[in-house]
Amino acid sequence: MSIFIMSKSSDRHSECCTDMGVSSGGRSLPISFWSPRCRGVLTGRSEGKKRKMSLIIPEKFQHIHRVMNTNIDGNRKVPFALTAIKGVGRRFAFVVCRKADIDINRRAGELSEEDLEKLQQVMQNPSQYKIPNWFLNRQKDIKDGKYSQMLSTSLDNKLREDLERLKKIRLHRGLRHYWGLRVRGQHTKTTGRKGRTVGVSKKKGAMDSYDVIANQPVVIDNGSGVIKAGFAGDQTPKCRFANFVGRPKHTRVMAGALEGDLFIGPKAQEYRGLLSLKYPMEHGIVTDWNDMERVWQYIYSKDQLQIFPEEHPVLLTEAPLNPLKNREKSAEIFFETFNIPALHIQMQAVLSLYSTGRTTGVVLDSGDGVTHVVPIFEGFAIQH
């Protein structure tokens, strides 16, 4: 076996390569290896053949780029590397490269900071670069009717909004998405589904109790003057309004008079001069259960949390000296009227101490109608 080595260079591309041919048994087997100075490669025996991507690592080569909170593999070609970004497919990635004047045969690690910035601008503003609407993944948004490209975290947020909307209108496809079941194809039980199914064997509207309890709990902070509600884990409550109910002082006799016989929340605050106000809680204790139930119902309405009560567990706060019969009445309303899956009633002072990361201490709770000084030991309030 004889080995021969031939070197050649191209002035046009400033590339250098070395071709090693191994001759064995009358055949010539070409082998190509590259100098570290090369940025491209000419394969085959002639320079006229198609130019391919380099297999060497340039001096400023980046193995990983950080683009839109996503790690981009620098060893892959630019269009295929961009597909690592959530919301970017191959077709859209090729269009973005063309609009940004980026060679699709280059590796992502060879891109400069200016190239990456240009790619981000094109991906975030496709309409400015005249990318057709059929390339975008958001077709006619339900709110504004616009076409857009959702990427990274914005795609996750929009997907969550869509699923919540589908659940609210009780759409079959939305419920299947929410439960993690298959959506495409026939809606029968014989399409290879595993685990939970939605079909004729289940009652209409019935939901798995485990799935419901795993939902984000709703926190309702009952106060004598102000009531607050929101979701567990959020930094601030979703709704906050005065805890009173307003009824018109006078009978409606004119067309322009107030409509309705009961006002709660911001509307009651707006027309409080025309209403007779009543607080369902006094000194931290519920005194009118009918009005209190109306206030809780308003929290779940489309004006506030916009959720179904039967889909979320509830954490309800109470005053330190709340009677036991009041706790029983609260549980009766939430379970029988709102059909919630789970309920936990906890003292406001204990929850305030938990928020500081402690389980033992003294809490001074000064509210609108009552003030308490509560000693707490290992999460339990000392009554006497």
Protein backbone atom coordinates (compact mmCIF):
# COMPACT_ATOMS: atom_id res chain seq x y z
CA MET A 1 0.00 0.00 0.00
CA SER A 2 1.35 3.40 -0.95
CA ILE A 3 0.35 6.76 0.57
CA PHE A 4 0.58 10.01 -1.33
CA ILE A 5 -0.12 13.53 0.02
CA MET A 6 -1.13 16.50 -2.08
CA SER A 7 -1.80 20.05 -0.79
CA LYS A 8 -3.65 22.78 -2.58
CA SER A 9 -4.98 26.26 -1.76
CA SER A 10 -7.60 28.67 -3.03
CA ASP A 11 -6.82 32.39 -3.15
CA ARG A 12 -10.48 33.30 -3.60
CA HIS A 13 -11.67 31.80 -0.32
CA SER A 14 -8.32 31.92 1.57
CA GLU A 15 -8.79 28.28 2.43
CA CYS A 16 -6.24 25.54 2.74
CA CYS A 17 -6.73 21.84 2.93
CA THR A 18 -4.68 18.72 2.62
CA ASP A 19 -5.93 15.68 0.75
CA MET A 20 -4.47 12.38 1.68
CA GLY A 21 -5.08 9.53 -0.73
CA VAL A 22 -4.55 5.94 0.30
CA SER A 23 -3.89 3.63 -2.61
CA SER A 24 -4.69 0.02 -1.97
CA GLY A 25 -5.50 -2.74 -4.38
CA GLY A 26 -5.63 -0.44 -7.38
CA ARG A 27 -8.16 1.91 -5.76
CA SER A 28 -7.63 5.45 -4.53
CA LEU A 29 -9.48 6.33 -1.31
CA PRO A 30 -9.56 10.12 -0.76
CA ILE A 31 -9.30 11.36 2.81
CA SER A 32 -9.57 15.06 3.68
CA PHE A 33 -8.35 16.73 6.84
CA TRP A 34 -8.20 20.43 7.54
CA SER A 35 -5.82 23.00 8.82
CA PRO A 36 -7.03 25.09 11.85
CA ARG A 37 -6.94 28.17 9.63
CA CYS A 38 -9.59 26.85 7.29
CA ARG A 39 -13.15 28.16 7.47
CA GLY A 40 -14.61 26.19 4.54
CA VAL A 41 -14.03 22.97 2.68
CA LEU A 42 -13.81 21.92 -0.97
CA THR A 43 -14.60 18.23 -1.21
CA GLY A 44 -13.67 15.91 -4.09
CA ARG A 45 -10.82 16.19 -6.60
CA SER A 46 -11.83 19.51 -8.15
CA GLU A 47 -12.56 22.97 -6.81
CA GLY A 48 -15.68 23.30 -8.93
CA LYS A 49 -17.74 20.97 -6.76
CA LYS A 50 -20.24 22.13 -4.14
CA ARG A 51 -18.83 23.95 -1.13
CA LYS A 52 -19.80 22.39 2.21
CA MET A 53 -19.58 23.38 5.84
CA SER A 54 -16.19 23.33 7.55
CA LEU A 55 -15.34 20.58 10.01
CA ILE A 56 -12.73 22.61 11.87
CA ILE A 57 -13.14 25.04 14.74
CA PRO A 58 -12.27 28.68 13.95
CA GLU A 59 -10.49 30.84 16.49
CA LYS A 60 -13.66 32.68 17.66
CA PHE A 61 -15.96 29.68 17.49
CA GLN A 62 -18.67 29.56 20.21
CA HIS A 63 -19.92 26.11 21.11
CA ILE A 64 -23.02 27.52 22.84
CA HIS A 65 -24.90 30.75 22.15
CA ARG A 66 -27.57 32.16 24.45
CA VAL A 67 -30.49 33.37 22.32
CA MET A 68 -33.89 34.28 23.79
CA ASN A 69 -33.28 32.38 27.05
CA THR A 70 -32.30 29.25 25.10
CA ASN A 71 -28.95 27.54 24.60
CA ILE A 72 -28.10 27.24 20.89
CA ASP A 73 -25.75 24.45 19.78
CA GLY A 74 -22.89 26.08 17.92
CA ASN A 75 -21.94 22.89 16.09
CA ARG A 76 -25.18 22.75 14.11
CA LYS A 77 -26.09 24.74 11.03
CA VAL A 78 -27.82 28.01 11.82
CA PRO A 79 -31.40 27.09 10.73
CA PHE A 80 -31.34 23.80 12.61
CA ALA A 81 -29.74 25.37 15.68
CA LEU A 82 -32.51 27.99 15.85
CA THR A 83 -35.13 25.25 16.16
CA ALA A 84 -34.00 24.78 19.76
CA ILE A 85 -35.92 27.99 20.56
CA LYS A 86 -39.46 27.19 21.57
CA GLY A 87 -41.80 28.37 18.82
CA VAL A 88 -39.24 28.24 15.97
CA GLY A 89 -39.64 25.49 13.38
CA ARG A 90 -37.43 24.59 10.44
CA ARG A 91 -39.51 26.43 7.87
CA PHE A 92 -39.58 29.63 9.93
CA ALA A 93 -35.86 29.31 10.75
CA PHE A 94 -34.89 29.14 7.05
CA VAL A 95 -36.98 32.24 6.29
CA VAL A 96 -35.40 34.13 9.19
CA CYS A 97 -31.90 33.30 7.94
CA ARG A 98 -32.72 34.57 4.47
CA LYS A 99 -34.23 37.80 5.80
CA ALA A 100 -31.20 38.36 8.05
CA ASP A 101 -28.73 37.60 5.20
CA ILE A 102 -27.20 34.69 7.10
CA ASP A 103 -25.68 31.81 5.13
CA ILE A 104 -27.70 28.70 5.95
CA ASN A 105 -24.57 26.54 5.56
CA ARG A 106 -22.72 28.31 8.35
CA ARG A 107 -22.54 26.86 11.80
CA ALA A 108 -24.17 28.74 14.64
CA GLY A 109 -20.87 28.94 16.50
CA GLU A 110 -19.40 31.08 13.71
CA LEU A 111 -22.00 33.83 14.12
CA SER A 112 -20.99 37.16 15.58
CA GLU A 113 -22.94 39.17 18.12
CA GLU A 114 -24.26 41.38 15.32
CA ASP A 115 -25.54 38.34 13.43
CA LEU A 116 -27.31 37.00 16.52
CA GLU A 117 -28.89 40.37 17.22
CA LYS A 118 -30.12 40.60 13.62
CA LEU A 119 -31.65 37.11 13.88
CA GLN A 120 -33.47 38.05 17.08
CA GLN A 121 -34.85 41.21 15.50
CA VAL A 122 -36.22 39.25 12.55
CA MET A 123 -37.76 36.56 14.78
CA GLN A 124 -39.38 39.08 17.12
CA ASN A 125 -40.61 41.40 14.37
CA PRO A 126 -41.46 39.20 11.38
CA SER A 127 -43.98 41.65 9.90
CA GLN A 128 -41.34 44.39 9.61
CA TYR A 129 -39.23 42.09 7.45
CA LYS A 130 -42.22 41.11 5.26
CA ILE A 131 -42.41 37.50 6.36
CA PRO A 132 -45.76 36.12 5.10
CA ASN A 133 -48.45 35.45 7.68
CA TRP A 134 -48.66 31.77 6.86
CA PHE A 135 -45.17 31.29 8.34
CA LEU A 136 -46.30 32.56 11.77
CA ASN A 137 -47.55 30.28 14.53
CA ARG A 138 -50.22 32.65 15.90
CA GLN A 139 -52.99 33.03 13.35
CA LYS A 140 -55.67 35.68 14.02
CA ASP A 141 -55.43 36.12 17.78
CA ILE A 142 -58.83 35.85 19.43
CA LYS A 143 -58.41 39.22 21.19
CA ASP A 144 -57.00 41.53 18.49
CA GLY A 145 -57.19 39.35 15.35
CA LYS A 146 -53.51 39.93 14.52
CA TYR A 147 -50.90 37.51 13.19
CA SER A 148 -47.77 37.10 15.30
CA GLN A 149 -44.93 34.75 16.15
CA MET A 150 -44.91 33.49 19.74
CA LEU A 151 -41.46 32.58 21.04
CA SER A 152 -39.95 31.22 24.24
CA THR A 153 -41.81 32.32 27.41
CA SER A 154 -44.44 34.29 25.48
CA LEU A 155 -45.46 31.05 23.77
CA ASP A 156 -45.92 29.31 27.14
CA ASN A 157 -47.98 32.20 28.49
CA LYS A 158 -50.21 32.32 25.41
CA LEU A 159 -50.69 28.54 25.52
CA ARG A 160 -51.73 28.76 29.16
CA GLU A 161 -54.23 31.52 28.32
CA ASP A 162 -55.70 29.48 25.48
CA LEU A 163 -56.12 26.39 27.63
CA GLU A 164 -57.79 28.41 30.39
CA ARG A 165 -60.19 29.89 27.84
CA LEU A 166 -61.00 26.45 26.42
CA LYS A 167 -61.65 25.12 29.90
CA LYS A 168 -63.97 28.00 30.73
CA ILE A 169 -66.18 27.28 27.76
CA ARG A 170 -66.00 23.54 28.52
CA LEU A 171 -64.57 22.67 25.13
CA HIS A 172 -63.80 18.99 24.69
CA ARG A 173 -60.40 19.66 23.12
CA GLY A 174 -59.43 22.07 25.90
CA LEU A 175 -60.25 19.54 28.61
CA ARG A 176 -58.23 16.85 26.83
CA HIS A 177 -55.24 19.20 26.60
CA TYR A 178 -55.60 20.00 30.30
CA TRP A 179 -55.69 16.32 31.33
CA GLY A 180 -52.74 15.42 29.12
CA LEU A 181 -54.75 13.13 26.82
CA ARG A 182 -54.36 12.73 23.07
CA VAL A 183 -56.15 15.32 20.99
CA ARG A 184 -55.50 14.63 17.31
CA GLY A 185 -57.26 11.77 15.57
CA GLN A 186 -60.50 10.04 16.39
CA HIS A 187 -62.17 10.81 19.68
CA THR A 188 -62.76 7.18 20.60
CA LYS A 189 -61.33 4.83 23.15
CA THR A 190 -59.57 2.62 20.61
CA THR A 191 -56.85 4.94 19.33
CA GLY A 192 -54.03 3.70 21.51
CA ARG A 193 -54.64 5.97 24.49
CA LYS A 194 -53.15 5.01 27.81
CA GLY A 195 -54.20 6.02 31.30
CA ARG A 196 -57.21 8.28 31.82
CA THR A 197 -59.77 8.60 29.03
CA VAL A 198 -62.74 10.81 28.27
CA GLY A 199 -65.63 8.85 26.80
CA VAL A 200 -69.10 7.53 27.31
CA SER A 201 -68.12 5.60 30.42
CA LYS A 202 -67.60 8.83 32.35
CA LYS A 203 -70.36 11.14 33.38
CA LYS A 204 -70.56 14.36 31.41
CA GLY A 205 -68.58 17.05 33.19
CA ALA A 206 -67.07 14.64 35.71
CA MET A 207 -63.40 15.21 36.48
CA ASP A 208 -60.73 13.21 38.21
CA SER A 209 -60.50 14.28 41.85
CA TYR A 210 -56.72 14.02 41.88
CA ASP A 211 -56.39 16.32 38.87
CA VAL A 212 -58.66 18.91 40.47
CA ILE A 213 -56.89 18.89 43.82
CA ALA A 214 -53.58 19.35 42.01
CA ASN A 215 -54.87 22.64 40.55
CA GLN A 216 -53.68 25.97 41.86
CA PRO A 217 -55.52 26.67 45.15
CA VAL A 218 -57.56 29.82 45.66
CA VAL A 219 -56.79 31.89 48.75
CA ILE A 220 -59.63 33.98 50.22
CA ASP A 221 -58.72 36.39 53.02
CA ASN A 222 -61.91 37.40 54.80
CA GLY A 223 -61.68 40.79 56.46
CA SER A 224 -64.22 42.94 58.26
CA GLY A 225 -63.53 45.89 55.97
CA VAL A 226 -61.71 44.50 52.93
CA ILE A 227 -61.73 41.05 51.34
CA LYS A 228 -58.83 39.80 49.20
CA ALA A 229 -58.60 36.76 46.93
CA GLY A 230 -56.07 35.27 44.55
CA PHE A 231 -54.08 32.17 43.69
CA ALA A 232 -51.53 30.44 45.90
CA GLY A 233 -47.99 31.29 44.88
CA ASP A 234 -48.77 34.75 43.48
CA GLN A 235 -47.04 37.78 44.95
CA THR A 236 -50.23 39.86 45.17
CA PRO A 237 -53.96 39.03 45.28
CA LYS A 238 -55.92 39.11 42.03
CA CYS A 239 -58.88 40.99 43.49
CA ARG A 240 -59.31 43.31 46.45
CA PHE A 241 -62.50 45.19 47.31
CA ALA A 242 -64.56 46.44 50.24
CA ASN A 243 -66.41 43.66 52.04
CA PHE A 244 -69.91 45.10 52.00
CA VAL A 245 -73.13 44.61 50.07
CA GLY A 246 -75.22 47.50 48.77
CA ARG A 247 -78.94 47.62 48.09
CA PRO A 248 -80.79 50.60 46.55
CA LYS A 249 -82.31 52.98 49.06
CA HIS A 250 -85.27 53.78 46.81
CA THR A 251 -87.46 51.77 44.48
CA ARG A 252 -86.53 52.02 40.80
CA VAL A 253 -89.12 54.31 39.15
CA MET A 254 -87.12 55.87 36.31
CA ALA A 255 -85.44 54.35 33.26
CA GLY A 256 -82.10 55.87 34.23
CA ALA A 257 -82.15 54.53 37.76
CA LEU A 258 -79.90 51.75 39.03
CA GLU A 259 -80.58 48.29 37.69
CA GLY A 260 -80.42 45.32 40.02
CA ASP A 261 -81.17 44.77 43.68
CA LEU A 262 -77.69 43.88 44.94
CA PHE A 263 -74.29 45.51 44.37
CA ILE A 264 -70.91 44.10 45.39
CA GLY A 265 -67.31 45.18 44.91
CA PRO A 266 -66.26 48.20 42.81
CA LYS A 267 -69.80 48.83 41.57
CA ALA A 268 -71.09 49.07 45.13
CA GLN A 269 -68.25 51.46 45.93
CA GLU A 270 -69.10 53.59 42.89
CA TYR A 271 -72.80 53.97 43.77
CA ARG A 272 -72.46 53.88 47.53
CA GLY A 273 -74.27 57.23 47.84
CA LEU A 274 -77.42 55.66 46.39
CA LEU A 275 -77.15 52.41 48.30
CA SER A 276 -77.82 51.13 51.75
CA LEU A 277 -74.58 49.38 52.74
CA LYS A 278 -74.31 46.36 54.99
CA TYR A 279 -71.19 44.54 56.15
CA PRO A 280 -71.64 40.74 56.36
CA MET A 281 -68.76 40.55 58.87
CA GLU A 282 -68.38 42.38 62.17
CA HIS A 283 -65.26 42.20 64.34
CA GLY A 284 -63.91 39.38 62.17
CA ILE A 285 -67.01 37.17 62.61
CA VAL A 286 -69.59 36.49 59.89
CA THR A 287 -73.03 37.77 60.93
CA ASP A 288 -74.99 37.54 57.65
CA TRP A 289 -74.35 34.29 55.80
CA ASN A 290 -76.57 35.10 52.83
CA ASP A 291 -74.62 38.25 52.00
CA MET A 292 -71.32 36.50 52.71
CA GLU A 293 -72.24 33.79 50.23
CA ARG A 294 -73.04 36.46 47.64
CA VAL A 295 -69.60 38.02 48.17
CA TRP A 296 -67.83 34.67 47.76
CA GLN A 297 -69.85 34.00 44.63
CA TYR A 298 -68.79 37.37 43.23
CA ILE A 299 -65.12 36.39 43.72
CA TYR A 300 -65.54 33.49 41.27
CA SER A 301 -67.49 35.59 38.75
CA LYS A 302 -66.27 36.93 35.40
CA ASP A 303 -65.58 40.31 37.01
CA GLN A 304 -62.91 38.89 39.34
CA LEU A 305 -61.11 35.50 39.24
CA GLN A 306 -63.07 34.13 36.24
CA ILE A 307 -62.75 30.48 37.29
CA PHE A 308 -65.01 27.55 38.13
CA PRO A 309 -65.11 26.92 41.90
CA GLU A 310 -65.32 23.14 41.48
CA GLU A 311 -61.88 23.11 39.81
CA HIS A 312 -59.77 24.70 42.56
CA PRO A 313 -59.17 23.92 46.26
CA VAL A 314 -59.71 26.79 48.69
CA LEU A 315 -57.68 28.21 51.57
CA LEU A 316 -59.99 30.35 53.73
CA THR A 317 -58.75 32.61 56.52
CA GLU A 318 -60.54 33.22 59.80
CA ALA A 319 -60.22 35.32 62.96
CA PRO A 320 -58.57 33.78 66.06
CA LEU A 321 -61.84 33.60 68.05
CA ASN A 322 -64.05 32.39 65.22
CA PRO A 323 -66.74 30.04 66.66
CA LEU A 324 -66.72 26.40 65.62
CA LYS A 325 -70.24 26.63 64.21
CA ASN A 326 -69.06 29.40 61.86
CA ARG A 327 -66.36 27.11 60.49
CA GLU A 328 -68.96 24.41 59.93
CA LYS A 329 -71.22 26.88 58.13
CA SER A 330 -68.36 28.06 55.91
CA ALA A 331 -67.51 24.47 54.97
CA GLU A 332 -71.17 23.75 54.25
CA ILE A 333 -71.43 26.68 51.82
CA PHE A 334 -68.21 25.93 49.98
CA PHE A 335 -68.85 22.20 49.62
CA GLU A 336 -72.58 22.20 48.93
CA THR A 337 -73.01 25.50 47.06
CA PHE A 338 -69.69 25.90 45.25
CA ASN A 339 -68.78 22.17 45.02
CA ILE A 340 -65.10 22.80 45.72
CA PRO A 341 -62.82 19.72 45.85
CA ALA A 342 -60.98 20.63 49.08
CA LEU A 343 -61.09 23.28 51.82
CA HIS A 344 -58.64 24.36 54.50
CA ILE A 345 -59.52 27.02 57.08
CA GLN A 346 -56.59 28.63 58.84
CA MET A 347 -56.09 31.50 61.24
CA GLN A 348 -54.90 34.75 59.69
CA ALA A 349 -52.19 35.31 62.30
CA VAL A 350 -50.69 31.86 61.69
CA LEU A 351 -50.52 32.45 57.94
CA SER A 352 -48.87 35.84 58.51
CA LEU A 353 -46.18 34.15 60.61
CA TYR A 354 -45.68 31.46 57.96
CA SER A 355 -44.98 34.16 55.38
CA THR A 356 -41.88 35.20 57.38
CA GLY A 357 -40.53 31.66 57.45
CA ARG A 358 -41.24 31.12 61.15
CA THR A 359 -43.57 28.81 63.08
CA THR A 360 -43.20 30.35 66.55
CA GLY A 361 -43.77 33.98 67.48
CA VAL A 362 -46.25 36.67 68.46
CA VAL A 363 -48.40 38.30 65.78
CA LEU A 364 -50.15 41.66 66.14
CA ASP A 365 -53.08 41.59 63.70
CA SER A 366 -54.78 44.98 63.44
CA GLY A 367 -57.80 44.97 61.13
CA ASP A 368 -60.71 47.21 60.26
CA GLY A 369 -63.06 45.86 62.90
CA VAL A 370 -60.88 44.07 65.44
CA THR A 371 -57.27 43.80 66.66
CA HIS A 372 -55.70 40.58 67.95
CA VAL A 373 -52.40 39.76 69.61
CA VAL A 374 -51.83 36.07 68.96
CA PRO A 375 -49.02 33.96 70.49
CA ILE A 376 -48.12 31.05 68.21
CA PHE A 377 -46.03 27.99 69.07
CA GLU A 378 -44.96 25.58 66.32
CA GLY A 379 -47.81 26.64 64.05
CA PHE A 380 -50.57 26.45 66.69
CA ALA A 381 -52.22 29.51 68.22
CA ILE A 382 -52.35 29.47 72.01
CA GLN A 383 -55.95 30.17 73.01
CA HIS A 384 -55.38 30.86 76.72
